[in-house]
Amino acid sequence: MTTPATSGSTTLRNLSVGVLLLEALNAARKGSWTVAAALLGAAALGYRYTGLGIVVELAIRLYQFLR
């Protein structure tokens, strides 16, 4: 049996992964294949390890800002 906190946590994790996948699709449409691949990797990591996915996403944002 799942508790409400566990259910909400899973929902937020899935939402976060979905947003990362949409951002990867958008980056690919713009021709930024490196960023798209990195966002796909962040989505995969974020699905398994939420904290690591966030760290990777922030690193990608920093890369985009400095580019």
N, C-alpha and C. Protein backbone atom coordinates (compact mmCIF):
# COMPACT_ATOMS: atom_id res chain seq x y z
N MET A 1 0.84 -1.18 0.00
CA MET A 1 0.00 0.00 0.00
C MET A 1 0.88 1.24 0.00
N THR A 2 0.52 2.20 -0.81
CA THR A 2 1.32 3.42 -0.88
C THR A 2 0.67 4.49 -0.01
N THR A 3 1.52 5.30 0.54
CA THR A 3 1.04 6.42 1.33
C THR A 3 0.88 7.63 0.41
N PRO A 4 0.12 8.62 0.81
CA PRO A 4 -0.03 9.80 -0.04
C PRO A 4 1.29 10.49 -0.36
N ALA A 5 2.22 10.50 0.59
CA ALA A 5 3.51 11.13 0.33
C ALA A 5 4.27 10.38 -0.75
N THR A 6 4.23 9.06 -0.72
CA THR A 6 4.92 8.27 -1.72
C THR A 6 4.29 8.47 -3.08
N SER A 7 2.98 8.48 -3.13
CA SER A 7 2.27 8.67 -4.39
C SER A 7 2.57 10.04 -4.98
N GLY A 8 2.57 11.07 -4.18
CA GLY A 8 2.88 12.41 -4.66
C GLY A 8 4.31 12.53 -5.13
N SER A 9 5.22 11.88 -4.44
CA SER A 9 6.62 11.89 -4.82
C SER A 9 6.80 11.25 -6.19
N THR A 10 6.11 10.14 -6.42
CA THR A 10 6.20 9.46 -7.71
C THR A 10 5.62 10.33 -8.81
N THR A 11 4.53 10.99 -8.53
CA THR A 11 3.90 11.85 -9.52
C THR A 11 4.81 13.01 -9.89
N LEU A 12 5.43 13.63 -8.90
CA LEU A 12 6.34 14.74 -9.17
C LEU A 12 7.56 14.27 -9.93
N ARG A 13 8.07 13.10 -9.59
CA ARG A 13 9.23 12.56 -10.31
C ARG A 13 8.88 12.32 -11.77
N ASN A 14 7.71 11.73 -12.02
CA ASN A 14 7.30 11.48 -13.40
C ASN A 14 7.08 12.78 -14.16
N LEU A 15 6.53 13.77 -13.50
CA LEU A 15 6.34 15.07 -14.12
C LEU A 15 7.67 15.71 -14.47
N SER A 16 8.62 15.62 -13.57
CA SER A 16 9.95 16.17 -13.81
C SER A 16 10.62 15.50 -15.00
N VAL A 17 10.51 14.18 -15.07
CA VAL A 17 11.10 13.44 -16.19
C VAL A 17 10.40 13.82 -17.49
N GLY A 18 9.09 13.98 -17.45
CA GLY A 18 8.35 14.38 -18.64
C GLY A 18 8.77 15.75 -19.15
N VAL A 19 8.98 16.67 -18.24
CA VAL A 19 9.42 18.01 -18.63
C VAL A 19 10.81 17.94 -19.25
N LEU A 20 11.70 17.14 -18.68
CA LEU A 20 13.04 16.99 -19.25
C LEU A 20 12.97 16.40 -20.65
N LEU A 21 12.08 15.44 -20.86
CA LEU A 21 11.94 14.85 -22.19
C LEU A 21 11.42 15.88 -23.20
N LEU A 22 10.48 16.70 -22.78
CA LEU A 22 9.97 17.75 -23.67
C LEU A 22 11.06 18.78 -23.99
N GLU A 23 11.87 19.10 -23.00
CA GLU A 23 12.97 20.04 -23.24
C GLU A 23 14.01 19.43 -24.17
N ALA A 24 14.25 18.13 -24.05
CA ALA A 24 15.18 17.45 -24.96
C ALA A 24 14.63 17.48 -26.39
N LEU A 25 13.34 17.25 -26.55
CA LEU A 25 12.71 17.31 -27.86
C LEU A 25 12.83 18.71 -28.45
N ASN A 26 12.60 19.72 -27.64
CA ASN A 26 12.71 21.10 -28.09
C ASN A 26 14.15 21.44 -28.50
N ALA A 27 15.12 20.97 -27.73
CA ALA A 27 16.52 21.22 -28.06
C ALA A 27 16.89 20.52 -29.37
N ALA A 28 16.38 19.32 -29.58
CA ALA A 28 16.66 18.59 -30.81
C ALA A 28 16.04 19.31 -32.01
N ARG A 29 14.84 19.84 -31.84
CA ARG A 29 14.19 20.58 -32.92
C ARG A 29 14.97 21.83 -33.29
N LYS A 30 15.66 22.42 -32.31
CA LYS A 30 16.46 23.61 -32.58
C LYS A 30 17.84 23.26 -33.13
N GLY A 31 18.17 21.96 -33.17
CA GLY A 31 19.44 21.53 -33.72
C GLY A 31 20.56 21.41 -32.71
N SER A 32 20.26 21.55 -31.44
CA SER A 32 21.27 21.43 -30.40
C SER A 32 21.31 19.98 -29.90
N TRP A 33 21.97 19.14 -30.66
CA TRP A 33 21.96 17.70 -30.39
C TRP A 33 22.70 17.35 -29.11
N THR A 34 23.75 18.09 -28.79
CA THR A 34 24.51 17.82 -27.57
C THR A 34 23.64 18.07 -26.34
N VAL A 35 22.93 19.17 -26.34
CA VAL A 35 22.06 19.50 -25.21
C VAL A 35 20.90 18.51 -25.14
N ALA A 36 20.36 18.14 -26.30
CA ALA A 36 19.26 17.18 -26.33
C ALA A 36 19.69 15.83 -25.73
N ALA A 37 20.87 15.37 -26.11
CA ALA A 37 21.37 14.10 -25.57
C ALA A 37 21.62 14.21 -24.07
N ALA A 38 22.15 15.34 -23.63
CA ALA A 38 22.40 15.53 -22.20
C ALA A 38 21.08 15.56 -21.42
N LEU A 39 20.06 16.20 -21.99
CA LEU A 39 18.76 16.24 -21.32
C LEU A 39 18.11 14.87 -21.27
N LEU A 40 18.28 14.08 -22.31
CA LEU A 40 17.79 12.70 -22.28
C LEU A 40 18.48 11.90 -21.19
N GLY A 41 19.79 12.10 -21.06
CA GLY A 41 20.53 11.44 -19.98
C GLY A 41 20.07 11.90 -18.61
N ALA A 42 19.80 13.18 -18.49
CA ALA A 42 19.31 13.71 -17.21
C ALA A 42 17.94 13.14 -16.89
N ALA A 43 17.10 12.96 -17.91
CA ALA A 43 15.78 12.37 -17.68
C ALA A 43 15.92 10.93 -17.20
N ALA A 44 16.83 10.19 -17.81
CA ALA A 44 17.04 8.80 -17.40
C ALA A 44 17.57 8.72 -15.97
N LEU A 45 18.52 9.58 -15.66
CA LEU A 45 19.06 9.61 -14.30
C LEU A 45 18.02 10.11 -13.31
N GLY A 46 17.24 11.09 -13.73
CA GLY A 46 16.23 11.66 -12.85
C GLY A 46 15.12 10.68 -12.52
N TYR A 47 14.86 9.76 -13.42
CA TYR A 47 13.83 8.76 -13.14
C TYR A 47 14.28 7.81 -12.04
N ARG A 48 15.56 7.48 -12.04
CA ARG A 48 16.08 6.54 -11.04
C ARG A 48 16.56 7.26 -9.78
N TYR A 49 17.29 8.34 -9.97
CA TYR A 49 17.87 9.11 -8.86
C TYR A 49 17.45 10.57 -9.02
N THR A 50 16.45 10.98 -8.28
CA THR A 50 15.88 12.31 -8.45
C THR A 50 16.91 13.42 -8.23
N GLY A 51 17.68 13.34 -7.19
CA GLY A 51 18.66 14.37 -6.88
C GLY A 51 19.73 14.49 -7.94
N LEU A 52 20.18 13.38 -8.46
CA LEU A 52 21.22 13.39 -9.50
C LEU A 52 20.68 14.00 -10.79
N GLY A 53 19.43 13.72 -11.10
CA GLY A 53 18.82 14.32 -12.29
C GLY A 53 18.77 15.83 -12.20
N ILE A 54 18.48 16.35 -11.02
CA ILE A 54 18.44 17.80 -10.81
C ILE A 54 19.83 18.40 -10.98
N VAL A 55 20.85 17.74 -10.43
CA VAL A 55 22.22 18.24 -10.54
C VAL A 55 22.67 18.27 -12.00
N VAL A 56 22.36 17.21 -12.73
CA VAL A 56 22.73 17.16 -14.14
C VAL A 56 21.99 18.24 -14.93
N GLU A 57 20.72 18.44 -14.64
CA GLU A 57 19.96 19.48 -15.33
C GLU A 57 20.56 20.86 -15.06
N LEU A 58 20.95 21.13 -13.83
CA LEU A 58 21.57 22.42 -13.52
C LEU A 58 22.91 22.58 -14.24
N ALA A 59 23.67 21.50 -14.36
CA ALA A 59 24.93 21.56 -15.09
C ALA A 59 24.68 21.85 -16.58
N ILE A 60 23.62 21.28 -17.14
CA ILE A 60 23.28 21.55 -18.53
C ILE A 60 22.89 23.01 -18.71
N ARG A 61 22.12 23.53 -17.78
CA ARG A 61 21.72 24.95 -17.84
C ARG A 61 22.94 25.86 -17.76
N LEU A 62 23.89 25.52 -16.91
CA LEU A 62 25.12 26.30 -16.81
C LEU A 62 25.89 26.23 -18.12
N TYR A 63 25.98 25.06 -18.72
CA TYR A 63 26.65 24.89 -20.01
C TYR A 63 25.98 25.77 -21.08
N GLN A 64 24.65 25.77 -21.12
CA GLN A 64 23.93 26.58 -22.10
C GLN A 64 24.17 28.07 -21.85
N PHE A 65 24.22 28.47 -20.60
CA PHE A 65 24.43 29.88 -20.27
C PHE A 65 25.84 30.34 -20.68
N LEU A 66 26.82 29.50 -20.45
CA LEU A 66 28.21 29.87 -20.73
C LEU A 66 28.57 29.74 -22.21
N ARG A 67 27.75 29.07 -22.97
CA ARG A 67 28.04 28.83 -24.37
C ARG A 67 27.86 30.06 -25.19
